[in-house]
Amino acid sequence: MTTRRLLLASLATGLTLAGTASAQPYGAPRPYEPIPAPRYEPEPHRRHGYVWEPGHWHWEGRRYVWFEGHYVPVRAEYHRYVPGIWVQRGPRWEWVPAHWE
């Protein structure tokens, strides 16, 4: 009788652990991969009333995707435009988006 209870307990434990493992299809979250080198994009001819925002890499959860550069309208109520930049915070890198100050 004791052997049977031990066998049933082992089987129940095995099924519980198997169910827990299958509930996590992607595994533990992985850290960001290293940021790829920026792509060279020549700035097109300047446009009056616009600021050129260079392209940058953006983390999409599994990989980096390149966002091409584009023009941003000047906002007269602000003093200057600050381009986006990657900043290292501990072991991770975070994108600080472009903004007006």
N, C-alpha and C. Protein backbone atom coordinates (compact mmCIF):
# COMPACT_ATOMS: atom_id res chain seq x y z
N MET A 1 0.81 -1.19 0.00
CA MET A 1 0.00 0.00 0.00
C MET A 1 0.86 1.26 0.00
N THR A 2 1.96 1.26 0.75
CA THR A 2 2.85 2.41 0.82
C THR A 2 3.53 2.64 -0.52
N THR A 3 3.91 1.58 -1.20
CA THR A 3 4.55 1.70 -2.50
C THR A 3 3.58 2.32 -3.50
N ARG A 4 2.32 1.92 -3.42
CA ARG A 4 1.32 2.48 -4.34
C ARG A 4 1.14 3.98 -4.09
N ARG A 5 1.07 4.41 -2.84
CA ARG A 5 0.92 5.84 -2.52
C ARG A 5 2.14 6.63 -2.99
N LEU A 6 3.31 6.07 -2.79
CA LEU A 6 4.54 6.71 -3.23
C LEU A 6 4.56 6.87 -4.75
N LEU A 7 4.13 5.84 -5.46
CA LEU A 7 4.07 5.88 -6.92
C LEU A 7 3.08 6.94 -7.39
N LEU A 8 1.89 6.98 -6.76
CA LEU A 8 0.89 7.99 -7.13
C LEU A 8 1.37 9.41 -6.83
N ALA A 9 2.04 9.60 -5.70
CA ALA A 9 2.58 10.92 -5.35
C ALA A 9 3.64 11.35 -6.35
N SER A 10 4.50 10.44 -6.77
CA SER A 10 5.54 10.75 -7.75
C SER A 10 4.93 11.11 -9.09
N LEU A 11 3.90 10.35 -9.49
CA LEU A 11 3.23 10.62 -10.75
C LEU A 11 2.55 11.99 -10.72
N ALA A 12 1.87 12.30 -9.62
CA ALA A 12 1.20 13.60 -9.49
C ALA A 12 2.21 14.74 -9.53
N THR A 13 3.34 14.57 -8.86
CA THR A 13 4.38 15.59 -8.86
C THR A 13 4.94 15.78 -10.27
N GLY A 14 5.18 14.70 -10.98
CA GLY A 14 5.70 14.78 -12.34
C GLY A 14 4.74 15.49 -13.28
N LEU A 15 3.45 15.18 -13.15
CA LEU A 15 2.45 15.85 -14.01
C LEU A 15 2.33 17.33 -13.67
N THR A 16 2.43 17.66 -12.39
CA THR A 16 2.38 19.07 -12.00
C THR A 16 3.56 19.85 -12.58
N LEU A 17 4.74 19.29 -12.49
CA LEU A 17 5.93 19.96 -13.03
C LEU A 17 5.86 20.06 -14.54
N ALA A 18 5.37 19.02 -15.21
CA ALA A 18 5.25 19.06 -16.66
C ALA A 18 4.26 20.12 -17.09
N GLY A 19 3.16 20.27 -16.36
CA GLY A 19 2.17 21.30 -16.66
C GLY A 19 2.73 22.69 -16.47
N THR A 20 3.55 22.89 -15.46
CA THR A 20 4.16 24.19 -15.21
C THR A 20 5.13 24.56 -16.32
N ALA A 21 5.91 23.61 -16.79
CA ALA A 21 6.89 23.88 -17.84
C ALA A 21 6.20 24.24 -19.14
N SER A 22 5.09 23.58 -19.46
CA SER A 22 4.43 23.85 -20.73
C SER A 22 3.69 25.19 -20.71
N ALA A 23 3.47 25.76 -19.52
CA ALA A 23 2.77 27.04 -19.43
C ALA A 23 3.69 28.21 -19.77
N GLN A 24 4.97 27.96 -19.98
CA GLN A 24 5.93 29.01 -20.30
C GLN A 24 6.56 28.72 -21.65
N PRO A 25 5.82 28.97 -22.74
CA PRO A 25 6.33 28.57 -24.06
C PRO A 25 7.60 29.27 -24.50
N TYR A 26 7.85 30.50 -24.03
CA TYR A 26 9.02 31.25 -24.49
C TYR A 26 10.18 31.23 -23.50
N GLY A 27 10.00 30.57 -22.37
CA GLY A 27 11.07 30.51 -21.38
C GLY A 27 11.19 31.82 -20.62
N ALA A 28 12.24 31.94 -19.86
CA ALA A 28 12.46 33.15 -19.07
C ALA A 28 12.76 34.32 -20.00
N PRO A 29 12.37 35.55 -19.62
CA PRO A 29 12.67 36.69 -20.48
C PRO A 29 14.17 36.86 -20.61
N ARG A 30 14.62 37.09 -21.82
CA ARG A 30 16.06 37.26 -22.04
C ARG A 30 16.40 38.74 -22.07
N PRO A 31 17.61 39.07 -21.71
CA PRO A 31 18.00 40.48 -21.74
C PRO A 31 18.15 40.96 -23.18
N TYR A 32 18.19 42.27 -23.32
CA TYR A 32 18.41 42.84 -24.64
C TYR A 32 19.71 42.32 -25.23
N GLU A 33 19.73 42.17 -26.53
CA GLU A 33 20.97 41.84 -27.22
C GLU A 33 21.77 43.13 -27.37
N PRO A 34 23.06 43.02 -27.68
CA PRO A 34 23.83 44.26 -27.91
C PRO A 34 23.22 45.08 -29.05
N ILE A 35 23.29 46.37 -28.93
CA ILE A 35 22.72 47.27 -29.95
C ILE A 35 23.59 47.21 -31.19
N PRO A 36 23.00 46.97 -32.36
CA PRO A 36 23.80 46.98 -33.59
C PRO A 36 24.37 48.38 -33.86
N ALA A 37 25.39 48.41 -34.66
CA ALA A 37 25.99 49.70 -35.06
C ALA A 37 24.96 50.50 -35.85
N PRO A 38 24.95 51.82 -35.68
CA PRO A 38 24.00 52.64 -36.44
C PRO A 38 24.28 52.55 -37.94
N ARG A 39 23.23 52.66 -38.71
CA ARG A 39 23.39 52.70 -40.17
C ARG A 39 23.66 54.14 -40.58
N TYR A 40 24.44 54.28 -41.63
CA TYR A 40 24.73 55.63 -42.12
C TYR A 40 23.57 56.07 -43.01
N GLU A 41 22.99 57.19 -42.68
CA GLU A 41 21.94 57.79 -43.50
C GLU A 41 22.33 59.24 -43.76
N PRO A 42 22.63 59.57 -44.99
CA PRO A 42 22.96 60.98 -45.27
C PRO A 42 21.72 61.85 -45.04
N GLU A 43 21.93 62.99 -44.41
CA GLU A 43 20.81 63.91 -44.20
C GLU A 43 20.41 64.52 -45.53
N PRO A 44 19.13 64.42 -45.88
CA PRO A 44 18.69 65.04 -47.14
C PRO A 44 18.81 66.56 -47.07
N HIS A 45 18.50 67.22 -48.16
CA HIS A 45 18.54 68.68 -48.18
C HIS A 45 17.67 69.22 -47.06
N ARG A 46 18.19 70.26 -46.41
CA ARG A 46 17.46 70.85 -45.29
C ARG A 46 16.12 71.43 -45.76
N ARG A 47 15.14 71.29 -44.88
CA ARG A 47 13.81 71.84 -45.17
C ARG A 47 13.50 72.90 -44.13
N HIS A 48 13.11 74.07 -44.58
CA HIS A 48 12.79 75.17 -43.67
C HIS A 48 11.60 74.76 -42.79
N GLY A 49 11.76 74.96 -41.47
CA GLY A 49 10.68 74.65 -40.54
C GLY A 49 10.70 73.22 -40.04
N TYR A 50 11.77 72.47 -40.38
CA TYR A 50 11.87 71.07 -39.94
C TYR A 50 13.27 70.77 -39.42
N VAL A 51 13.36 69.76 -38.56
CA VAL A 51 14.63 69.27 -38.04
C VAL A 51 14.75 67.81 -38.46
N TRP A 52 15.94 67.41 -38.87
CA TRP A 52 16.17 66.02 -39.28
C TRP A 52 16.42 65.15 -38.05
N GLU A 53 15.62 64.11 -37.88
CA GLU A 53 15.85 63.13 -36.81
C GLU A 53 16.49 61.91 -37.45
N PRO A 54 17.75 61.59 -37.11
CA PRO A 54 18.42 60.45 -37.73
C PRO A 54 17.74 59.13 -37.36
N GLY A 55 17.96 58.12 -38.19
CA GLY A 55 17.41 56.80 -37.91
C GLY A 55 18.05 56.19 -36.66
N HIS A 56 17.38 55.20 -36.10
CA HIS A 56 17.90 54.54 -34.90
C HIS A 56 17.32 53.13 -34.80
N TRP A 57 17.99 52.32 -33.99
CA TRP A 57 17.52 50.96 -33.72
C TRP A 57 16.48 51.01 -32.61
N HIS A 58 15.45 50.16 -32.73
CA HIS A 58 14.40 50.07 -31.71
C HIS A 58 14.20 48.60 -31.36
N TRP A 59 14.15 48.28 -30.05
CA TRP A 59 13.96 46.90 -29.59
C TRP A 59 12.49 46.54 -29.70
N GLU A 60 12.17 45.46 -30.41
CA GLU A 60 10.79 45.03 -30.61
C GLU A 60 10.44 43.79 -29.80
N GLY A 61 11.12 43.53 -28.70
CA GLY A 61 10.80 42.40 -27.86
C GLY A 61 11.63 41.17 -28.13
N ARG A 62 12.01 40.93 -29.38
CA ARG A 62 12.83 39.78 -29.75
C ARG A 62 14.05 40.16 -30.58
N ARG A 63 13.98 41.35 -31.20
CA ARG A 63 15.08 41.77 -32.08
C ARG A 63 15.02 43.28 -32.25
N TYR A 64 16.10 43.82 -32.80
CA TYR A 64 16.14 45.24 -33.11
C TYR A 64 15.61 45.47 -34.52
N VAL A 65 14.88 46.57 -34.67
CA VAL A 65 14.33 46.98 -35.96
C VAL A 65 14.83 48.40 -36.23
N TRP A 66 15.24 48.67 -37.46
CA TRP A 66 15.74 49.99 -37.82
C TRP A 66 14.58 50.92 -38.16
N PHE A 67 14.53 52.08 -37.49
CA PHE A 67 13.56 53.13 -37.82
C PHE A 67 14.33 54.16 -38.63
N GLU A 68 13.91 54.39 -39.86
CA GLU A 68 14.61 55.33 -40.73
C GLU A 68 14.46 56.76 -40.24
N GLY A 69 15.44 57.59 -40.60
CA GLY A 69 15.40 59.00 -40.24
C GLY A 69 14.25 59.70 -40.94
N HIS A 70 13.82 60.80 -40.35
CA HIS A 70 12.70 61.55 -40.94
C HIS A 70 12.73 62.99 -40.41
N TYR A 71 11.98 63.85 -41.06
CA TYR A 71 11.89 65.24 -40.64
C TYR A 71 10.83 65.40 -39.56
N VAL A 72 11.13 66.27 -38.58
CA VAL A 72 10.22 66.59 -37.49
C VAL A 72 9.94 68.08 -37.58
N PRO A 73 8.67 68.48 -37.52
CA PRO A 73 8.37 69.92 -37.58
C PRO A 73 8.95 70.67 -36.39
N VAL A 74 9.48 71.87 -36.65
CA VAL A 74 10.02 72.72 -35.58
C VAL A 74 8.85 73.19 -34.71
N ARG A 75 9.09 73.20 -33.40
CA ARG A 75 8.08 73.69 -32.46
C ARG A 75 8.60 74.98 -31.85
N ALA A 76 8.05 76.07 -32.29
CA ALA A 76 8.55 77.40 -31.93
C ALA A 76 8.49 77.67 -30.43
N GLU A 77 7.63 77.00 -29.69
CA GLU A 77 7.52 77.26 -28.25
C GLU A 77 8.65 76.64 -27.44
N TYR A 78 9.50 75.85 -28.09
CA TYR A 78 10.64 75.23 -27.40
C TYR A 78 11.95 75.82 -27.91
N HIS A 79 13.01 75.69 -27.08
CA HIS A 79 14.30 76.28 -27.42
C HIS A 79 15.14 75.43 -28.35
N ARG A 80 15.15 74.12 -28.08
CA ARG A 80 16.02 73.28 -28.90
C ARG A 80 15.49 71.85 -29.00
N TYR A 81 15.95 71.18 -30.02
CA TYR A 81 15.59 69.79 -30.28
C TYR A 81 16.72 68.89 -29.77
N VAL A 82 16.38 67.85 -28.99
CA VAL A 82 17.36 66.91 -28.46
C VAL A 82 17.12 65.56 -29.14
N PRO A 83 18.09 65.09 -29.95
CA PRO A 83 17.88 63.82 -30.64
C PRO A 83 17.84 62.65 -29.67
N GLY A 84 17.19 61.55 -30.08
CA GLY A 84 17.13 60.34 -29.26
C GLY A 84 18.51 59.72 -29.10
N ILE A 85 18.68 58.98 -28.01
CA ILE A 85 19.98 58.37 -27.72
C ILE A 85 19.78 57.12 -26.87
N TRP A 86 20.66 56.13 -27.07
CA TRP A 86 20.68 54.94 -26.21
C TRP A 86 21.51 55.26 -24.98
N VAL A 87 20.97 54.93 -23.78
CA VAL A 87 21.64 55.18 -22.51
C VAL A 87 21.74 53.86 -21.76
N GLN A 88 22.94 53.59 -21.22
CA GLN A 88 23.11 52.36 -20.44
C GLN A 88 22.72 52.61 -18.99
N ARG A 89 21.81 51.77 -18.49
CA ARG A 89 21.37 51.85 -17.09
C ARG A 89 21.57 50.48 -16.48
N GLY A 90 22.68 50.35 -15.75
CA GLY A 90 23.05 49.04 -15.21
C GLY A 90 23.45 48.13 -16.36
N PRO A 91 22.95 46.89 -16.37
CA PRO A 91 23.32 45.98 -17.46
C PRO A 91 22.46 46.17 -18.71
N ARG A 92 21.45 47.03 -18.64
CA ARG A 92 20.52 47.21 -19.76
C ARG A 92 20.72 48.53 -20.47
N TRP A 93 20.29 48.56 -21.71
CA TRP A 93 20.30 49.79 -22.49
C TRP A 93 18.85 50.23 -22.68
N GLU A 94 18.61 51.53 -22.58
CA GLU A 94 17.27 52.07 -22.78
C GLU A 94 17.32 53.19 -23.81
N TRP A 95 16.29 53.25 -24.64
CA TRP A 95 16.19 54.30 -25.65
C TRP A 95 15.48 55.50 -25.02
N VAL A 96 16.15 56.65 -25.05
CA VAL A 96 15.55 57.90 -24.62
C VAL A 96 15.12 58.61 -25.90
N PRO A 97 13.81 58.71 -26.14
CA PRO A 97 13.33 59.28 -27.40
C PRO A 97 13.73 60.74 -27.58
N ALA A 98 13.74 61.16 -28.83
CA ALA A 98 14.00 62.56 -29.16
C ALA A 98 12.89 63.42 -28.55
N HIS A 99 13.24 64.65 -28.17
CA HIS A 99 12.25 65.52 -27.57
C HIS A 99 12.68 66.99 -27.71
N TRP A 100 11.75 67.87 -27.41
CA TRP A 100 12.01 69.31 -27.45
C TRP A 100 12.17 69.82 -26.03
N GLU A 101 13.11 70.75 -25.85
CA GLU A 101 13.31 71.40 -24.54
C GLU A 101 13.06 72.89 -24.67
